[in-house]
Amino acid sequence: MVANPFVAVSKFVVRNELDEEVAAAFLARPHLVDDEEGFIRMEVLRGYETPKEFWLLTYWSDEQSYRTWHRGHTYKASHAGIPRGLKLEKGSASVTLFEKICD
């Protein structure tokens, strides 16, 4: 395990009634990111009290690995399973970058 992995945390809120389809899409994801250089793991969370709110945590060995993936064709291809017609709450989508300090 990397001593201080880089973590990208993405958040969004589904505006329409496709939250179940979004959850199913994550369960069926093609795992394209799994073989990317520097990728450690991904966690997908859903708000317990706010089930339309999704959080994605991707762990990387370093920031450059994340940025290379984010600009690449695998990133775009990994989003092919997004449900058609998905609408997000305006302003709800964000990405915040972190350095993991400890468990």
PDB file of N, CA and C in Angstrom:
ATOM      1  N   MET A   1       0.851  -1.189   0.000  1.00  0.00           N
ATOM      2  CA  MET A   1       0.000   0.000   0.000  1.00  0.00           C
ATOM      3  C   MET A   1       0.888   1.240   0.000  1.00  0.00           C
ATOM      4  N   VAL A   2       0.459   2.231  -0.733  1.00  0.00           N
ATOM      5  CA  VAL A   2       1.184   3.490  -0.825  1.00  0.00           C
ATOM      6  C   VAL A   2       1.054   4.230   0.501  1.00  0.00           C
ATOM      7  N   ALA A   3       2.132   4.842   0.959  1.00  0.00           N
ATOM      8  CA  ALA A   3       2.136   5.510   2.267  1.00  0.00           C
ATOM      9  C   ALA A   3       1.072   6.605   2.361  1.00  0.00           C
ATOM     10  N   ASN A   4       1.013   7.505   1.400  1.00  0.00           N
ATOM     11  CA  ASN A   4       0.043   8.594   1.421  1.00  0.00           C
ATOM     12  C   ASN A   4      -0.636   8.682   0.055  1.00  0.00           C
ATOM     13  N   PRO A   5      -1.618   7.822  -0.185  1.00  0.00           N
ATOM     14  CA  PRO A   5      -2.256   7.855  -1.500  1.00  0.00           C
ATOM     15  C   PRO A   5      -3.007   9.158  -1.756  1.00  0.00           C
ATOM     16  N   PHE A   6      -3.172   9.420  -3.012  1.00  0.00           N
ATOM     17  CA  PHE A   6      -3.940  10.557  -3.506  1.00  0.00           C
ATOM     18  C   PHE A   6      -5.375  10.070  -3.673  1.00  0.00           C
ATOM     19  N   VAL A   7      -6.341  10.865  -3.234  1.00  0.00           N
ATOM     20  CA  VAL A   7      -7.749  10.468  -3.302  1.00  0.00           C
ATOM     21  C   VAL A   7      -8.549  11.547  -4.021  1.00  0.00           C
ATOM     22  N   ALA A   8      -9.302  11.125  -5.025  1.00  0.00           N
ATOM     23  CA  ALA A   8     -10.221  12.024  -5.724  1.00  0.00           C
ATOM     24  C   ALA A   8     -11.633  11.658  -5.280  1.00  0.00           C
ATOM     25  N   VAL A   9     -12.357  12.631  -4.745  1.00  0.00           N
ATOM     26  CA  VAL A   9     -13.710  12.415  -4.258  1.00  0.00           C
ATOM     27  C   VAL A   9     -14.669  13.189  -5.158  1.00  0.00           C
ATOM     28  N   SER A  10     -15.530  12.439  -5.841  1.00  0.00           N
ATOM     29  CA  SER A  10     -16.534  13.037  -6.718  1.00  0.00           C
ATOM     30  C   SER A  10     -17.896  12.900  -6.059  1.00  0.00           C
ATOM     31  N   LYS A  11     -18.730  13.909  -6.253  1.00  0.00           N
ATOM     32  CA  LYS A  11     -20.069  13.890  -5.661  1.00  0.00           C
ATOM     33  C   LYS A  11     -21.058  14.416  -6.690  1.00  0.00           C
ATOM     34  N   PHE A  12     -22.248  13.833  -6.708  1.00  0.00           N
ATOM     35  CA  PHE A  12     -23.340  14.377  -7.511  1.00  0.00           C
ATOM     36  C   PHE A  12     -24.671  13.924  -6.932  1.00  0.00           C
ATOM     37  N   VAL A  13     -25.717  14.671  -7.276  1.00  0.00           N
ATOM     38  CA  VAL A  13     -27.068  14.357  -6.819  1.00  0.00           C
ATOM     39  C   VAL A  13     -27.954  14.197  -8.047  1.00  0.00           C
ATOM     40  N   VAL A  14     -28.634  13.057  -8.127  1.00  0.00           N
ATOM     41  CA  VAL A  14     -29.538  12.779  -9.235  1.00  0.00           C
ATOM     42  C   VAL A  14     -30.803  13.618  -9.061  1.00  0.00           C
ATOM     43  N   ARG A  15     -31.182  14.331 -10.120  1.00  0.00           N
ATOM     44  CA  ARG A  15     -32.363  15.197 -10.058  1.00  0.00           C
ATOM     45  C   ARG A  15     -33.635  14.438 -10.412  1.00  0.00           C
ATOM     46  N   ASN A  16     -33.560  13.521 -11.364  1.00  0.00           N
ATOM     47  CA  ASN A  16     -34.773  12.806 -11.769  1.00  0.00           C
ATOM     48  C   ASN A  16     -34.834  11.448 -11.062  1.00  0.00           C
ATOM     49  N   GLU A  17     -35.686  10.580 -11.524  1.00  0.00           N
ATOM     50  CA  GLU A  17     -35.943   9.310 -10.823  1.00  0.00           C
ATOM     51  C   GLU A  17     -35.039   8.174 -11.291  1.00  0.00           C
ATOM     52  N   LEU A  18     -33.809   8.473 -11.680  1.00  0.00           N
ATOM     53  CA  LEU A  18     -32.908   7.451 -12.189  1.00  0.00           C
ATOM     54  C   LEU A  18     -31.850   7.015 -11.179  1.00  0.00           C
ATOM     55  N   ASP A  19     -32.054   7.290  -9.891  1.00  0.00           N
ATOM     56  CA  ASP A  19     -31.046   6.929  -8.905  1.00  0.00           C
ATOM     57  C   ASP A  19     -30.828   5.411  -8.809  1.00  0.00           C
ATOM     58  N   GLU A  20     -31.873   4.631  -8.967  1.00  0.00           N
ATOM     59  CA  GLU A  20     -31.705   3.163  -8.936  1.00  0.00           C
ATOM     60  C   GLU A  20     -30.900   2.692 -10.140  1.00  0.00           C
ATOM     61  N   GLU A  21     -31.137   3.323 -11.307  1.00  0.00           N
ATOM     62  CA  GLU A  21     -30.388   2.969 -12.508  1.00  0.00           C
ATOM     63  C   GLU A  21     -28.916   3.368 -12.368  1.00  0.00           C
ATOM     64  N   VAL A  22     -28.662   4.491 -11.715  1.00  0.00           N
ATOM     65  CA  VAL A  22     -27.278   4.912 -11.477  1.00  0.00           C
ATOM     66  C   VAL A  22     -26.579   3.898 -10.571  1.00  0.00           C
ATOM     67  N   ALA A  23     -27.242   3.484  -9.506  1.00  0.00           N
ATOM     68  CA  ALA A  23     -26.667   2.482  -8.606  1.00  0.00           C
ATOM     69  C   ALA A  23     -26.384   1.187  -9.366  1.00  0.00           C
ATOM     70  N   ALA A  24     -27.321   0.751 -10.207  1.00  0.00           N
ATOM     71  CA  ALA A  24     -27.138  -0.470 -10.995  1.00  0.00           C
ATOM     72  C   ALA A  24     -25.972  -0.316 -11.972  1.00  0.00           C
ATOM     73  N   ALA A  25     -25.814   0.867 -12.550  1.00  0.00           N
ATOM     74  CA  ALA A  25     -24.713   1.110 -13.481  1.00  0.00           C
ATOM     75  C   ALA A  25     -23.366   0.989 -12.771  1.00  0.00           C
ATOM     76  N   PHE A  26     -23.282   1.461 -11.542  1.00  0.00           N
ATOM     77  CA  PHE A  26     -22.025   1.307 -10.796  1.00  0.00           C
ATOM     78  C   PHE A  26     -21.758  -0.163 -10.474  1.00  0.00           C
ATOM     79  N   LEU A  27     -22.793  -0.901 -10.124  1.00  0.00           N
ATOM     80  CA  LEU A  27     -22.610  -2.332  -9.847  1.00  0.00           C
ATOM     81  C   LEU A  27     -22.148  -3.092 -11.090  1.00  0.00           C
ATOM     82  N   ALA A  28     -22.580  -2.639 -12.261  1.00  0.00           N
ATOM     83  CA  ALA A  28     -22.239  -3.304 -13.520  1.00  0.00           C
ATOM     84  C   ALA A  28     -21.084  -2.617 -14.246  1.00  0.00           C
ATOM     85  N   ARG A  29     -20.393  -1.721 -13.580  1.00  0.00           N
ATOM     86  CA  ARG A  29     -19.347  -0.938 -14.247  1.00  0.00           C
ATOM     87  C   ARG A  29     -18.308  -1.850 -14.884  1.00  0.00           C
ATOM     88  N   PRO A  30     -17.710  -1.391 -15.995  1.00  0.00           N
ATOM     89  CA  PRO A  30     -16.767  -2.242 -16.731  1.00  0.00           C
ATOM     90  C   PRO A  30     -15.379  -2.378 -16.098  1.00  0.00           C
ATOM     91  N   HIS A  31     -15.128  -1.721 -15.004  1.00  0.00           N
ATOM     92  CA  HIS A  31     -13.849  -1.820 -14.278  1.00  0.00           C
ATOM     93  C   HIS A  31     -12.648  -1.390 -15.127  1.00  0.00           C
ATOM     94  N   LEU A  32     -12.869  -0.461 -16.056  1.00  0.00           N
ATOM     95  CA  LEU A  32     -11.794  -0.002 -16.929  1.00  0.00           C
ATOM     96  C   LEU A  32     -10.676   0.689 -16.160  1.00  0.00           C
ATOM     97  N   VAL A  33     -11.027   1.370 -15.087  1.00  0.00           N
ATOM     98  CA  VAL A  33     -10.018   2.098 -14.315  1.00  0.00           C
ATOM     99  C   VAL A  33      -9.104   1.154 -13.538  1.00  0.00           C
ATOM    100  N   ASP A  34      -9.568  -0.047 -13.282  1.00  0.00           N
ATOM    101  CA  ASP A  34      -8.846  -0.967 -12.395  1.00  0.00           C
ATOM    102  C   ASP A  34      -7.424  -1.270 -12.847  1.00  0.00           C
ATOM    103  N   ASP A  35      -7.172  -1.248 -14.142  1.00  0.00           N
ATOM    104  CA  ASP A  35      -5.847  -1.578 -14.663  1.00  0.00           C
ATOM    105  C   ASP A  35      -4.996  -0.347 -14.978  1.00  0.00           C
ATOM    106  N   GLU A  36      -5.492   0.825 -14.627  1.00  0.00           N
ATOM    107  CA  GLU A  36      -4.744   2.051 -14.910  1.00  0.00           C
ATOM    108  C   GLU A  36      -3.536   2.177 -13.985  1.00  0.00           C
ATOM    109  N   GLU A  37      -2.472   2.732 -14.523  1.00  0.00           N
ATOM    110  CA  GLU A  37      -1.246   2.966 -13.754  1.00  0.00           C
ATOM    111  C   GLU A  37      -1.558   3.818 -12.524  1.00  0.00           C
ATOM    112  N   GLY A  38      -1.165   3.361 -11.356  1.00  0.00           N
ATOM    113  CA  GLY A  38      -1.333   4.125 -10.126  1.00  0.00           C
ATOM    114  C   GLY A  38      -2.672   3.954  -9.433  1.00  0.00           C
ATOM    115  N   PHE A  39      -3.641   3.279 -10.078  1.00  0.00           N
ATOM    116  CA  PHE A  39      -4.953   3.093  -9.458  1.00  0.00           C
ATOM    117  C   PHE A  39      -4.849   2.083  -8.324  1.00  0.00           C
ATOM    118  N   ILE A  40      -5.468   2.401  -7.190  1.00  0.00           N
ATOM    119  CA  ILE A  40      -5.462   1.503  -6.035  1.00  0.00           C
ATOM    120  C   ILE A  40      -6.840   0.874  -5.840  1.00  0.00           C
ATOM    121  N   ARG A  41      -7.857   1.706  -5.702  1.00  0.00           N
ATOM    122  CA  ARG A  41      -9.210   1.163  -5.519  1.00  0.00           C
ATOM    123  C   ARG A  41     -10.240   2.268  -5.685  1.00  0.00           C
ATOM    124  N   MET A  42     -11.493   1.851  -5.796  1.00  0.00           N
ATOM    125  CA  MET A  42     -12.603   2.797  -5.901  1.00  0.00           C
ATOM    126  C   MET A  42     -13.717   2.347  -4.955  1.00  0.00           C
ATOM    127  N   GLU A  43     -14.330   3.315  -4.308  1.00  0.00           N
ATOM    128  CA  GLU A  43     -15.502   3.070  -3.474  1.00  0.00           C
ATOM    129  C   GLU A  43     -16.627   3.963  -3.997  1.00  0.00           C
ATOM    130  N   VAL A  44     -17.829   3.409  -4.055  1.00  0.00           N
ATOM    131  CA  VAL A  44     -18.998   4.193  -4.453  1.00  0.00           C
ATOM    132  C   VAL A  44     -19.954   4.177  -3.269  1.00  0.00           C
ATOM    133  N   LEU A  45     -20.322   5.356  -2.824  1.00  0.00           N
ATOM    134  CA  LEU A  45     -21.223   5.502  -1.677  1.00  0.00           C
ATOM    135  C   LEU A  45     -22.504   6.199  -2.117  1.00  0.00           C
ATOM    136  N   ARG A  46     -23.572   5.878  -1.424  1.00  0.00           N
ATOM    137  CA  ARG A  46     -24.871   6.497  -1.688  1.00  0.00           C
ATOM    138  C   ARG A  46     -25.409   6.988  -0.363  1.00  0.00           C
ATOM    139  N   GLY A  47     -25.985   8.186  -0.377  1.00  0.00           N
ATOM    140  CA  GLY A  47     -26.519   8.738   0.863  1.00  0.00           C
ATOM    141  C   GLY A  47     -27.593   7.845   1.461  1.00  0.00           C
ATOM    142  N   TYR A  48     -27.400   7.464   2.705  1.00  0.00           N
ATOM    143  CA  TYR A  48     -28.390   6.612   3.386  1.00  0.00           C
ATOM    144  C   TYR A  48     -29.722   7.339   3.526  1.00  0.00           C
ATOM    145  N   GLU A  49     -29.655   8.573   3.949  1.00  0.00           N
ATOM    146  CA  GLU A  49     -30.872   9.376   4.100  1.00  0.00           C
ATOM    147  C   GLU A  49     -31.179  10.181   2.842  1.00  0.00           C
ATOM    148  N   THR A  50     -30.211  10.250   1.924  1.00  0.00           N
ATOM    149  CA  THR A  50     -30.374  10.991   0.668  1.00  0.00           C
ATOM    150  C   THR A  50     -29.947  10.074  -0.483  1.00  0.00           C
ATOM    151  N   PRO A  51     -30.772   9.091  -0.857  1.00  0.00           N
ATOM    152  CA  PRO A  51     -30.364   8.074  -1.820  1.00  0.00           C
ATOM    153  C   PRO A  51     -30.101   8.582  -3.235  1.00  0.00           C
ATOM    154  N   LYS A  52     -30.415   9.820  -3.513  1.00  0.00           N
ATOM    155  CA  LYS A  52     -30.107  10.394  -4.823  1.00  0.00           C
ATOM    156  C   LYS A  52     -28.703  11.009  -4.843  1.00  0.00           C
ATOM    157  N   GLU A  53     -28.026  11.004  -3.701  1.00  0.00           N
ATOM    158  CA  GLU A  53     -26.683  11.569  -3.586  1.00  0.00           C
ATOM    159  C   GLU A  53     -25.644  10.451  -3.660  1.00  0.00           C
ATOM    160  N   PHE A  54     -24.694  10.594  -4.587  1.00  0.00           N
ATOM    161  CA  PHE A  54     -23.644   9.596  -4.800  1.00  0.00           C
ATOM    162  C   PHE A  54     -22.280  10.232  -4.577  1.00  0.00           C
ATOM    163  N   TRP A  55     -21.389   9.456  -3.977  1.00  0.00           N
ATOM    164  CA  TRP A  55     -20.005   9.866  -3.747  1.00  0.00           C
ATOM    165  C   TRP A  55     -19.109   8.769  -4.301  1.00  0.00           C
ATOM    166  N   LEU A  56     -18.096   9.151  -5.051  1.00  0.00           N
ATOM    167  CA  LEU A  56     -17.115   8.212  -5.584  1.00  0.00           C
ATOM    168  C   LEU A  56     -15.762   8.577  -5.003  1.00  0.00           C
ATOM    169  N   LEU A  57     -15.099   7.621  -4.418  1.00  0.00           N
ATOM    170  CA  LEU A  57     -13.755   7.828  -3.889  1.00  0.00           C
ATOM    171  C   LEU A  57     -12.812   6.942  -4.686  1.00  0.00           C
ATOM    172  N   THR A  58     -11.878   7.557  -5.393  1.00  0.00           N
ATOM    173  CA  THR A  58     -10.868   6.781  -6.111  1.00  0.00           C
ATOM    174  C   THR A  58      -9.524   7.061  -5.471  1.00  0.00           C
ATOM    175  N   TYR A  59      -8.805   5.991  -5.182  1.00  0.00           N
ATOM    176  CA  TYR A  59      -7.508   6.056  -4.517  1.00  0.00           C
ATOM    177  C   TYR A  59      -6.422   5.775  -5.546  1.00  0.00           C
ATOM    178  N   TRP A  60      -5.398   6.623  -5.532  1.00  0.00           N
ATOM    179  CA  TRP A  60      -4.301   6.551  -6.492  1.00  0.00           C
ATOM    180  C   TRP A  60      -2.969   6.621  -5.761  1.00  0.00           C
ATOM    181  N   SER A  61      -1.945   6.083  -6.389  1.00  0.00           N
ATOM    182  CA  SER A  61      -0.617   6.153  -5.781  1.00  0.00           C
ATOM    183  C   SER A  61      -0.071   7.572  -5.814  1.00  0.00           C
ATOM    184  N   ASP A  62      -0.542   8.383  -6.798  1.00  0.00           N
ATOM    185  CA  ASP A  62      -0.062   9.758  -6.922  1.00  0.00           C
ATOM    186  C   ASP A  62      -1.036  10.566  -7.769  1.00  0.00           C
ATOM    187  N   GLU A  63      -0.932  11.859  -7.661  1.00  0.00           N
ATOM    188  CA  GLU A  63      -1.831  12.771  -8.374  1.00  0.00           C
ATOM    189  C   GLU A  63      -1.679  12.656  -9.890  1.00  0.00           C
ATOM    190  N   GLN A  64      -0.454  12.516 -10.377  1.00  0.00           N
ATOM    191  CA  GLN A  64      -0.234  12.452 -11.819  1.00  0.00           C
ATOM    192  C   GLN A  64      -0.951  11.260 -12.449  1.00  0.00           C
ATOM    193  N   SER A  65      -0.976  10.125 -11.779  1.00  0.00           N
ATOM    194  CA  SER A  65      -1.690   8.952 -12.298  1.00  0.00           C
ATOM    195  C   SER A  65      -3.171   9.262 -12.462  1.00  0.00           C
ATOM    196  N   TYR A  66      -3.760   9.902 -11.460  1.00  0.00           N
ATOM    197  CA  TYR A  66      -5.169  10.289 -11.554  1.00  0.00           C
ATOM    198  C   TYR A  66      -5.390  11.235 -12.732  1.00  0.00           C
ATOM    199  N   ARG A  67      -4.573  12.256 -12.848  1.00  0.00           N
ATOM    200  CA  ARG A  67      -4.756  13.251 -13.915  1.00  0.00           C
ATOM    201  C   ARG A  67      -4.565  12.633 -15.306  1.00  0.00           C
ATOM    202  N   THR A  68      -3.621  11.726 -15.449  1.00  0.00           N
ATOM    203  CA  THR A  68      -3.417  11.041 -16.728  1.00  0.00           C
ATOM    204  C   THR A  68      -4.652  10.235 -17.097  1.00  0.00           C
ATOM    205  N   TRP A  69      -5.191   9.482 -16.138  1.00  0.00           N
ATOM    206  CA  TRP A  69      -6.413   8.704 -16.391  1.00  0.00           C
ATOM    207  C   TRP A  69      -7.577   9.633 -16.731  1.00  0.00           C
ATOM    208  N   HIS A  70      -7.733  10.703 -15.972  1.00  0.00           N
ATOM    209  CA  HIS A  70      -8.867  11.609 -16.141  1.00  0.00           C
ATOM    210  C   HIS A  70      -8.877  12.251 -17.532  1.00  0.00           C
ATOM    211  N   ARG A  71      -7.716  12.453 -18.117  1.00  0.00           N
ATOM    212  CA  ARG A  71      -7.622  13.046 -19.457  1.00  0.00           C
ATOM    213  C   ARG A  71      -7.698  12.000 -20.565  1.00  0.00           C
ATOM    214  N   GLY A  72      -7.642  10.734 -20.230  1.00  0.00           N
ATOM    215  CA  GLY A  72      -7.505   9.684 -21.233  1.00  0.00           C
ATOM    216  C   GLY A  72      -8.807   9.111 -21.753  1.00  0.00           C
ATOM    217  N   HIS A  73      -8.683   8.256 -22.756  1.00  0.00           N
ATOM    218  CA  HIS A  73      -9.841   7.638 -23.388  1.00  0.00           C
ATOM    219  C   HIS A  73     -10.538   6.639 -22.465  1.00  0.00           C
ATOM    220  N   THR A  74      -9.807   6.012 -21.545  1.00  0.00           N
ATOM    221  CA  THR A  74     -10.426   5.063 -20.621  1.00  0.00           C
ATOM    222  C   THR A  74     -11.434   5.766 -19.711  1.00  0.00           C
ATOM    223  N   TYR A  75     -11.117   6.999 -19.301  1.00  0.00           N
ATOM    224  CA  TYR A  75     -12.049   7.774 -18.470  1.00  0.00           C
ATOM    225  C   TYR A  75     -13.359   7.967 -19.210  1.00  0.00           C
ATOM    226  N   LYS A  76     -13.271   8.394 -20.460  1.00  0.00           N
ATOM    227  CA  LYS A  76     -14.483   8.629 -21.251  1.00  0.00           C
ATOM    228  C   LYS A  76     -15.254   7.329 -21.457  1.00  0.00           C
ATOM    229  N   ALA A  77     -14.551   6.257 -21.786  1.00  0.00           N
ATOM    230  CA  ALA A  77     -15.195   4.963 -22.018  1.00  0.00           C
ATOM    231  C   ALA A  77     -15.854   4.421 -20.754  1.00  0.00           C
ATOM    232  N   SER A  78     -15.287   4.729 -19.604  1.00  0.00           N
ATOM    233  CA  SER A  78     -15.839   4.213 -18.349  1.00  0.00           C
ATOM    234  C   SER A  78     -17.192   4.830 -18.014  1.00  0.00           C
ATOM    235  N   HIS A  79     -17.542   5.922 -18.687  1.00  0.00           N
ATOM    236  CA  HIS A  79     -18.823   6.573 -18.437  1.00  0.00           C
ATOM    237  C   HIS A  79     -19.906   6.152 -19.432  1.00  0.00           C
ATOM    238  N   ALA A  80     -19.630   5.178 -20.270  1.00  0.00           N
ATOM    239  CA  ALA A  80     -20.586   4.738 -21.285  1.00  0.00           C
ATOM    240  C   ALA A  80     -21.852   4.144 -20.674  1.00  0.00           C
ATOM    241  N   GLY A  81     -21.786   3.644 -19.450  1.00  0.00           N
ATOM    242  CA  GLY A  81     -22.938   3.019 -18.813  1.00  0.00           C
ATOM    243  C   GLY A  81     -23.867   3.979 -18.090  1.00  0.00           C
ATOM    244  N   ILE A  82     -23.606   5.274 -18.199  1.00  0.00           N
ATOM    245  CA  ILE A  82     -24.475   6.258 -17.542  1.00  0.00           C
ATOM    246  C   ILE A  82     -25.879   6.131 -18.120  1.00  0.00           C
ATOM    247  N   PRO A  83     -26.899   6.021 -17.272  1.00  0.00           N
ATOM    248  CA  PRO A  83     -28.263   5.861 -17.782  1.00  0.00           C
ATOM    249  C   PRO A  83     -28.680   7.030 -18.678  1.00  0.00           C
ATOM    250  N   ARG A  84     -29.304   6.690 -19.799  1.00  0.00           N
ATOM    251  CA  ARG A  84     -29.814   7.727 -20.705  1.00  0.00           C
ATOM    252  C   ARG A  84     -30.887   8.543 -19.985  1.00  0.00           C
ATOM    253  N   GLY A  85     -30.822   9.842 -20.182  1.00  0.00           N
ATOM    254  CA  GLY A  85     -31.809  10.729 -19.576  1.00  0.00           C
ATOM    255  C   GLY A  85     -31.453  11.177 -18.171  1.00  0.00           C
ATOM    256  N   LEU A  86     -30.288  10.769 -17.671  1.00  0.00           N
ATOM    257  CA  LEU A  86     -29.884  11.158 -16.318  1.00  0.00           C
ATOM    258  C   LEU A  86     -29.770  12.674 -16.212  1.00  0.00           C
ATOM    259  N   LYS A  87     -30.379  13.217 -15.186  1.00  0.00           N
ATOM    260  CA  LYS A  87     -30.287  14.643 -14.892  1.00  0.00           C
ATOM    261  C   LYS A  87     -29.722  14.784 -13.484  1.00  0.00           C
ATOM    262  N   LEU A  88     -28.808  15.755 -13.322  1.00  0.00           N
ATOM    263  CA  LEU A  88     -28.212  16.022 -12.012  1.00  0.00           C
ATOM    264  C   LEU A  88     -28.725  17.342 -11.469  1.00  0.00           C
ATOM    265  N   GLU A  89     -28.786  17.427 -10.145  1.00  0.00           N
ATOM    266  CA  GLU A  89     -29.130  18.696  -9.508  1.00  0.00           C
ATOM    267  C   GLU A  89     -28.097  19.731  -9.916  1.00  0.00           C
ATOM    268  N   LYS A  90     -28.547  20.887 -10.300  1.00  0.00           N
ATOM    269  CA  LYS A  90     -27.642  21.941 -10.723  1.00  0.00           C
ATOM    270  C   LYS A  90     -26.659  22.274  -9.600  1.00  0.00           C
ATOM    271  N   GLY A  91     -25.386  22.314  -9.947  1.00  0.00           N
ATOM    272  CA  GLY A  91     -24.349  22.653  -8.979  1.00  0.00           C
ATOM    273  C   GLY A  91     -23.959  21.542  -8.035  1.00  0.00           C
ATOM    274  N   SER A  92     -24.544  20.348  -8.183  1.00  0.00           N
ATOM    275  CA  SER A  92     -24.250  19.275  -7.228  1.00  0.00           C
ATOM    276  C   SER A  92     -22.987  18.487  -7.584  1.00  0.00           C
ATOM    277  N   ALA A  93     -22.570  18.529  -8.838  1.00  0.00           N
ATOM    278  CA  ALA A  93     -21.403  17.746  -9.254  1.00  0.00           C
ATOM    279  C   ALA A  93     -20.115  18.469  -8.862  1.00  0.00           C
ATOM    280  N   SER A  94     -19.245  17.729  -8.189  1.00  0.00           N
ATOM    281  CA  SER A  94     -17.970  18.315  -7.790  1.00  0.00           C
ATOM    282  C   SER A  94     -16.916  17.220  -7.679  1.00  0.00           C
ATOM    283  N   VAL A  95     -15.663  17.628  -7.785  1.00  0.00           N
ATOM    284  CA  VAL A  95     -14.526  16.744  -7.549  1.00  0.00           C
ATOM    285  C   VAL A  95     -13.599  17.478  -6.601  1.00  0.00           C
ATOM    286  N   THR A  96     -13.236  16.821  -5.518  1.00  0.00           N
ATOM    287  CA  THR A  96     -12.315  17.392  -4.541  1.00  0.00           C
ATOM    288  C   THR A  96     -11.147  16.425  -4.404  1.00  0.00           C
ATOM    289  N   LEU A  97      -9.948  16.969  -4.359  1.00  0.00           N
ATOM    290  CA  LEU A  97      -8.735  16.151  -4.331  1.00  0.00           C
ATOM    291  C   LEU A  97      -8.116  16.199  -2.931  1.00  0.00           C
ATOM    292  N   PHE A  98      -7.665  15.028  -2.466  1.00  0.00           N
ATOM    293  CA  PHE A  98      -7.145  14.902  -1.110  1.00  0.00           C
ATOM    294  C   PHE A  98      -5.846  14.091  -1.086  1.00  0.00           C
ATOM    295  N   GLU A  99      -5.067  14.314  -0.058  1.00  0.00           N
ATOM    296  CA  GLU A  99      -3.975  13.423   0.305  1.00  0.00           C
ATOM    297  C   GLU A  99      -4.449  12.657   1.527  1.00  0.00           C
ATOM    298  N   LYS A 100      -4.385  11.335   1.475  1.00  0.00           N
ATOM    299  CA  LYS A 100      -4.785  10.537   2.622  1.00  0.00           C
ATOM    300  C   LYS A 100      -3.676  10.578   3.658  1.00  0.00           C
ATOM    301  N   ILE A 101      -4.023  10.919   4.900  1.00  0.00           N
ATOM    302  CA  ILE A 101      -3.034  11.039   5.969  1.00  0.00           C
ATOM    303  C   ILE A 101      -2.903   9.739   6.758  1.00  0.00           C
ATOM    304  N   CYS A 102      -4.046   9.121   7.136  1.00  0.00           N
ATOM    305  CA  CYS A 102      -3.982   7.860   7.891  1.00  0.00           C
ATOM    306  C   CYS A 102      -5.323   7.157   7.825  1.00  0.00           C
ATOM    307  N   ASP A 103      -5.320   5.900   8.275  1.00  0.00           N
ATOM    308  CA  ASP A 103      -6.567   5.108   8.395  1.00  0.00           C
ATOM    309  C   ASP A 103      -7.173   5.350   9.750  1.00  0.00           C
TER     310      ASP A 103
END
